[in-house]
């Protein structure tokens, strides 16, 4: 008997349902930092904005922006999952 292929929506629902259950996830891995390459124009804009924000340097400012955005995205995902749970009751 063939196994039914899950749709993307079904996979999403399964992942979201198990996202908070730590026993469903594999062992944590360490990720080595890598460099990200930006165009010269983006670097110039980042330098300007870093000065406006009185940051030590544009790389420090970019790191802070990325970390803040990731926290924001995690909160949005968490809120979405909570709303999805409430809606499915």
N, C-alpha and C. Protein backbone atom coordinates (compact mmCIF):
# COMPACT_ATOMS: atom_id res chain seq x y z
N UNK A 1 0.84 -1.18 0.00
CA UNK A 1 0.00 0.00 0.00
C UNK A 1 0.89 1.24 0.00
N UNK A 2 0.59 2.15 -0.90
CA UNK A 2 1.39 3.37 -1.01
C UNK A 2 1.05 4.34 0.11
N UNK A 3 2.09 5.02 0.59
CA UNK A 3 1.86 6.07 1.59
C UNK A 3 1.36 7.32 0.88
N UNK A 4 0.41 7.98 1.51
CA UNK A 4 -0.13 9.22 0.95
C UNK A 4 0.91 10.33 1.10
N UNK A 5 1.13 11.06 0.04
CA UNK A 5 2.05 12.22 0.09
C UNK A 5 1.33 13.37 0.77
N UNK A 6 1.99 13.98 1.74
CA UNK A 6 1.40 15.11 2.44
C UNK A 6 1.51 16.38 1.60
N UNK A 7 0.50 17.20 1.69
CA UNK A 7 0.56 18.50 1.02
C UNK A 7 1.41 19.44 1.87
N UNK A 8 1.78 20.55 1.30
CA UNK A 8 2.56 21.54 2.04
C UNK A 8 1.79 22.04 3.26
N UNK A 9 0.48 22.23 3.09
CA UNK A 9 -0.36 22.69 4.21
C UNK A 9 -0.40 21.66 5.33
N UNK A 10 -0.49 20.38 4.98
CA UNK A 10 -0.50 19.32 5.99
C UNK A 10 0.83 19.27 6.74
N UNK A 11 1.90 19.40 6.01
CA UNK A 11 3.23 19.42 6.64
C UNK A 11 3.35 20.61 7.58
N UNK A 12 2.91 21.79 7.12
CA UNK A 12 2.94 22.99 7.96
C UNK A 12 2.16 22.77 9.25
N UNK A 13 0.96 22.20 9.13
CA UNK A 13 0.14 21.96 10.32
C UNK A 13 0.83 21.02 11.30
N UNK A 14 1.45 19.96 10.78
CA UNK A 14 2.17 19.02 11.65
C UNK A 14 3.35 19.68 12.35
N UNK A 15 4.10 20.45 11.60
CA UNK A 15 5.28 21.12 12.18
C UNK A 15 4.84 22.13 13.23
N UNK A 16 3.83 22.93 12.93
CA UNK A 16 3.35 23.93 13.89
C UNK A 16 2.82 23.25 15.14
N UNK A 17 2.10 22.16 14.98
CA UNK A 17 1.54 21.45 16.13
C UNK A 17 2.64 20.91 17.05
N UNK A 18 3.76 20.50 16.47
CA UNK A 18 4.85 19.91 17.26
C UNK A 18 5.97 20.90 17.60
N UNK A 19 5.84 22.14 17.17
CA UNK A 19 6.94 23.11 17.32
C UNK A 19 7.35 23.33 18.76
N UNK A 20 6.41 23.31 19.69
CA UNK A 20 6.74 23.58 21.09
C UNK A 20 7.10 22.31 21.88
N UNK A 21 6.98 21.15 21.25
CA UNK A 21 7.30 19.89 21.92
C UNK A 21 8.77 19.55 21.65
N UNK A 22 9.62 19.85 22.63
CA UNK A 22 11.07 19.69 22.47
C UNK A 22 11.46 18.23 22.18
N UNK A 23 10.63 17.27 22.62
CA UNK A 23 10.94 15.85 22.39
C UNK A 23 10.83 15.47 20.91
N UNK A 24 10.15 16.30 20.13
CA UNK A 24 9.96 16.02 18.71
C UNK A 24 11.14 16.49 17.86
N UNK A 25 12.03 17.25 18.45
CA UNK A 25 13.14 17.82 17.71
C UNK A 25 14.41 17.03 17.97
N UNK A 26 15.30 17.05 17.03
CA UNK A 26 16.59 16.36 17.18
C UNK A 26 17.54 17.14 18.08
N UNK A 27 18.71 16.60 18.23
CA UNK A 27 19.74 17.23 19.06
C UNK A 27 20.12 18.59 18.47
N UNK A 28 20.33 19.58 19.36
CA UNK A 28 20.74 20.90 18.91
C UNK A 28 22.13 20.83 18.27
N UNK A 29 22.34 21.70 17.31
CA UNK A 29 23.64 21.77 16.66
C UNK A 29 24.20 23.17 16.82
N UNK A 30 25.50 23.25 16.79
CA UNK A 30 26.16 24.56 16.83
C UNK A 30 26.37 25.03 15.40
N UNK A 31 26.09 26.28 15.18
CA UNK A 31 26.25 26.85 13.85
C UNK A 31 27.41 27.84 13.88
N UNK A 32 28.37 27.62 13.00
CA UNK A 32 29.51 28.53 12.96
C UNK A 32 29.12 29.83 12.28
N UNK A 33 29.57 30.95 12.83
CA UNK A 33 29.26 32.23 12.17
C UNK A 33 29.88 32.26 10.78
N UNK A 34 29.16 32.88 9.88
CA UNK A 34 29.67 33.04 8.52
C UNK A 34 29.62 34.51 8.17
N UNK A 35 30.28 34.86 7.13
CA UNK A 35 30.23 36.26 6.71
C UNK A 35 29.12 36.43 5.70
N UNK A 36 28.53 37.59 5.72
CA UNK A 36 27.48 37.94 4.77
C UNK A 36 28.02 39.07 3.90
N UNK A 37 27.88 38.94 2.62
CA UNK A 37 28.40 39.96 1.71
C UNK A 37 27.27 40.88 1.26
N UNK A 38 27.53 42.17 1.40
CA UNK A 38 26.58 43.19 0.97
C UNK A 38 27.21 44.02 -0.14
N UNK A 39 26.36 44.62 -0.93
CA UNK A 39 26.86 45.49 -1.99
C UNK A 39 27.45 46.75 -1.36
N UNK A 40 28.36 47.42 -2.04
CA UNK A 40 28.94 48.65 -1.51
C UNK A 40 27.89 49.70 -1.16
N UNK A 41 26.82 49.80 -1.94
CA UNK A 41 25.79 50.80 -1.63
C UNK A 41 25.06 50.48 -0.33
N UNK A 42 24.81 49.21 -0.07
CA UNK A 42 24.15 48.81 1.18
C UNK A 42 25.08 49.08 2.36
N UNK A 43 26.37 48.82 2.20
CA UNK A 43 27.33 49.08 3.27
C UNK A 43 27.38 50.57 3.58
N UNK A 44 27.37 51.40 2.55
CA UNK A 44 27.38 52.85 2.78
C UNK A 44 26.13 53.30 3.53
N UNK A 45 24.98 52.76 3.15
CA UNK A 45 23.74 53.09 3.85
C UNK A 45 23.79 52.62 5.30
N UNK A 46 24.33 51.42 5.51
CA UNK A 46 24.45 50.88 6.87
C UNK A 46 25.38 51.74 7.72
N UNK A 47 26.48 52.20 7.12
CA UNK A 47 27.41 53.08 7.84
C UNK A 47 26.71 54.37 8.27
N UNK A 48 25.94 54.94 7.35
CA UNK A 48 25.22 56.18 7.64
C UNK A 48 24.21 55.96 8.77
N UNK A 49 23.43 54.89 8.68
CA UNK A 49 22.43 54.61 9.70
C UNK A 49 23.07 54.27 11.04
N UNK A 50 24.19 53.58 11.01
CA UNK A 50 24.90 53.25 12.26
C UNK A 50 25.34 54.53 12.96
N UNK A 51 25.80 55.52 12.19
CA UNK A 51 26.19 56.81 12.78
C UNK A 51 24.99 57.50 13.39
N UNK A 52 23.85 57.48 12.69
CA UNK A 52 22.63 58.09 13.21
C UNK A 52 22.21 57.46 14.54
N UNK A 53 22.42 56.17 14.64
CA UNK A 53 22.05 55.44 15.86
C UNK A 53 23.17 55.40 16.89
N UNK A 54 24.24 56.12 16.60
CA UNK A 54 25.40 56.21 17.50
C UNK A 54 25.94 54.84 17.89
N UNK A 55 26.01 53.98 16.89
CA UNK A 55 26.54 52.64 17.09
C UNK A 55 28.05 52.67 16.94
N UNK A 56 28.72 51.67 17.50
CA UNK A 56 30.18 51.61 17.42
C UNK A 56 30.68 51.44 15.99
N UNK A 57 29.88 50.83 15.16
CA UNK A 57 30.26 50.62 13.77
C UNK A 57 29.10 50.00 13.02
N UNK A 58 29.19 50.00 11.72
CA UNK A 58 28.07 49.50 10.94
C UNK A 58 27.84 48.01 11.12
N UNK A 59 28.91 47.24 11.34
CA UNK A 59 28.75 45.80 11.54
C UNK A 59 28.02 45.52 12.85
N UNK A 60 28.36 46.26 13.88
CA UNK A 60 27.68 46.12 15.17
C UNK A 60 26.20 46.47 15.01
N UNK A 61 25.94 47.56 14.29
CA UNK A 61 24.57 47.99 14.07
C UNK A 61 23.79 46.96 13.27
N UNK A 62 24.40 46.43 12.20
CA UNK A 62 23.73 45.40 11.39
C UNK A 62 23.42 44.15 12.22
N UNK A 63 24.36 43.74 13.05
CA UNK A 63 24.15 42.57 13.91
C UNK A 63 22.95 42.81 14.81
N UNK A 64 22.87 43.98 15.40
CA UNK A 64 21.76 44.33 16.28
C UNK A 64 20.43 44.32 15.51
N UNK A 65 20.43 44.89 14.31
CA UNK A 65 19.21 44.92 13.49
C UNK A 65 18.75 43.51 13.16
N UNK A 66 19.66 42.65 12.77
CA UNK A 66 19.31 41.28 12.42
C UNK A 66 18.78 40.53 13.64
N UNK A 67 19.44 40.68 14.79
CA UNK A 67 18.98 40.01 16.01
C UNK A 67 17.59 40.49 16.41
N UNK A 68 17.34 41.80 16.31
CA UNK A 68 16.02 42.34 16.63
C UNK A 68 14.97 41.79 15.68
N UNK A 69 15.31 41.70 14.40
CA UNK A 69 14.35 41.20 13.41
C UNK A 69 14.03 39.73 13.66
N UNK A 70 15.03 38.95 14.03
CA UNK A 70 14.79 37.54 14.30
C UNK A 70 13.86 37.40 15.50
N UNK A 71 14.08 38.17 16.55
CA UNK A 71 13.19 38.13 17.72
C UNK A 71 11.77 38.50 17.31
N UNK A 72 11.64 39.51 16.47
CA UNK A 72 10.33 39.95 15.98
C UNK A 72 9.63 38.83 15.20
N UNK A 73 10.38 38.19 14.33
CA UNK A 73 9.82 37.10 13.52
C UNK A 73 9.41 35.93 14.41
N UNK A 74 10.23 35.60 15.43
CA UNK A 74 9.89 34.52 16.35
C UNK A 74 8.60 34.83 17.10
N UNK A 75 8.44 36.07 17.54
CA UNK A 75 7.22 36.47 18.24
C UNK A 75 6.02 36.39 17.32
N UNK A 76 6.16 36.86 16.08
CA UNK A 76 5.06 36.77 15.12
C UNK A 76 4.66 35.31 14.89
N UNK A 77 5.64 34.43 14.75
CA UNK A 77 5.35 33.02 14.54
C UNK A 77 4.65 32.42 15.76
N UNK A 78 5.13 32.76 16.94
CA UNK A 78 4.53 32.28 18.18
C UNK A 78 3.08 32.77 18.29
N UNK A 79 2.85 34.04 18.02
CA UNK A 79 1.49 34.59 18.06
C UNK A 79 0.60 33.90 17.03
N UNK A 80 1.13 33.67 15.84
CA UNK A 80 0.38 33.00 14.78
C UNK A 80 -0.02 31.59 15.22
N UNK A 81 0.93 30.86 15.81
CA UNK A 81 0.64 29.49 16.27
C UNK A 81 -0.43 29.50 17.34
N UNK A 82 -0.36 30.47 18.25
CA UNK A 82 -1.34 30.58 19.32
C UNK A 82 -2.72 30.85 18.72
N UNK A 83 -2.80 31.77 17.77
CA UNK A 83 -4.08 32.09 17.11
C UNK A 83 -4.60 30.88 16.34
N UNK A 84 -3.71 30.13 15.71
CA UNK A 84 -4.10 28.95 14.96
C UNK A 84 -4.69 27.90 15.90
N UNK A 85 -4.08 27.73 17.07
CA UNK A 85 -4.60 26.78 18.05
C UNK A 85 -5.99 27.19 18.51
N UNK A 86 -6.15 28.48 18.80
CA UNK A 86 -7.45 28.98 19.26
C UNK A 86 -8.51 28.80 18.19
N UNK A 87 -8.15 29.09 16.95
CA UNK A 87 -9.09 28.98 15.84
C UNK A 87 -9.49 27.53 15.55
N UNK A 88 -8.59 26.59 15.85
CA UNK A 88 -8.87 25.19 15.53
C UNK A 88 -9.68 24.49 16.62
N UNK A 89 -9.94 25.18 17.73
CA UNK A 89 -10.72 24.57 18.82
C UNK A 89 -12.19 24.59 18.53
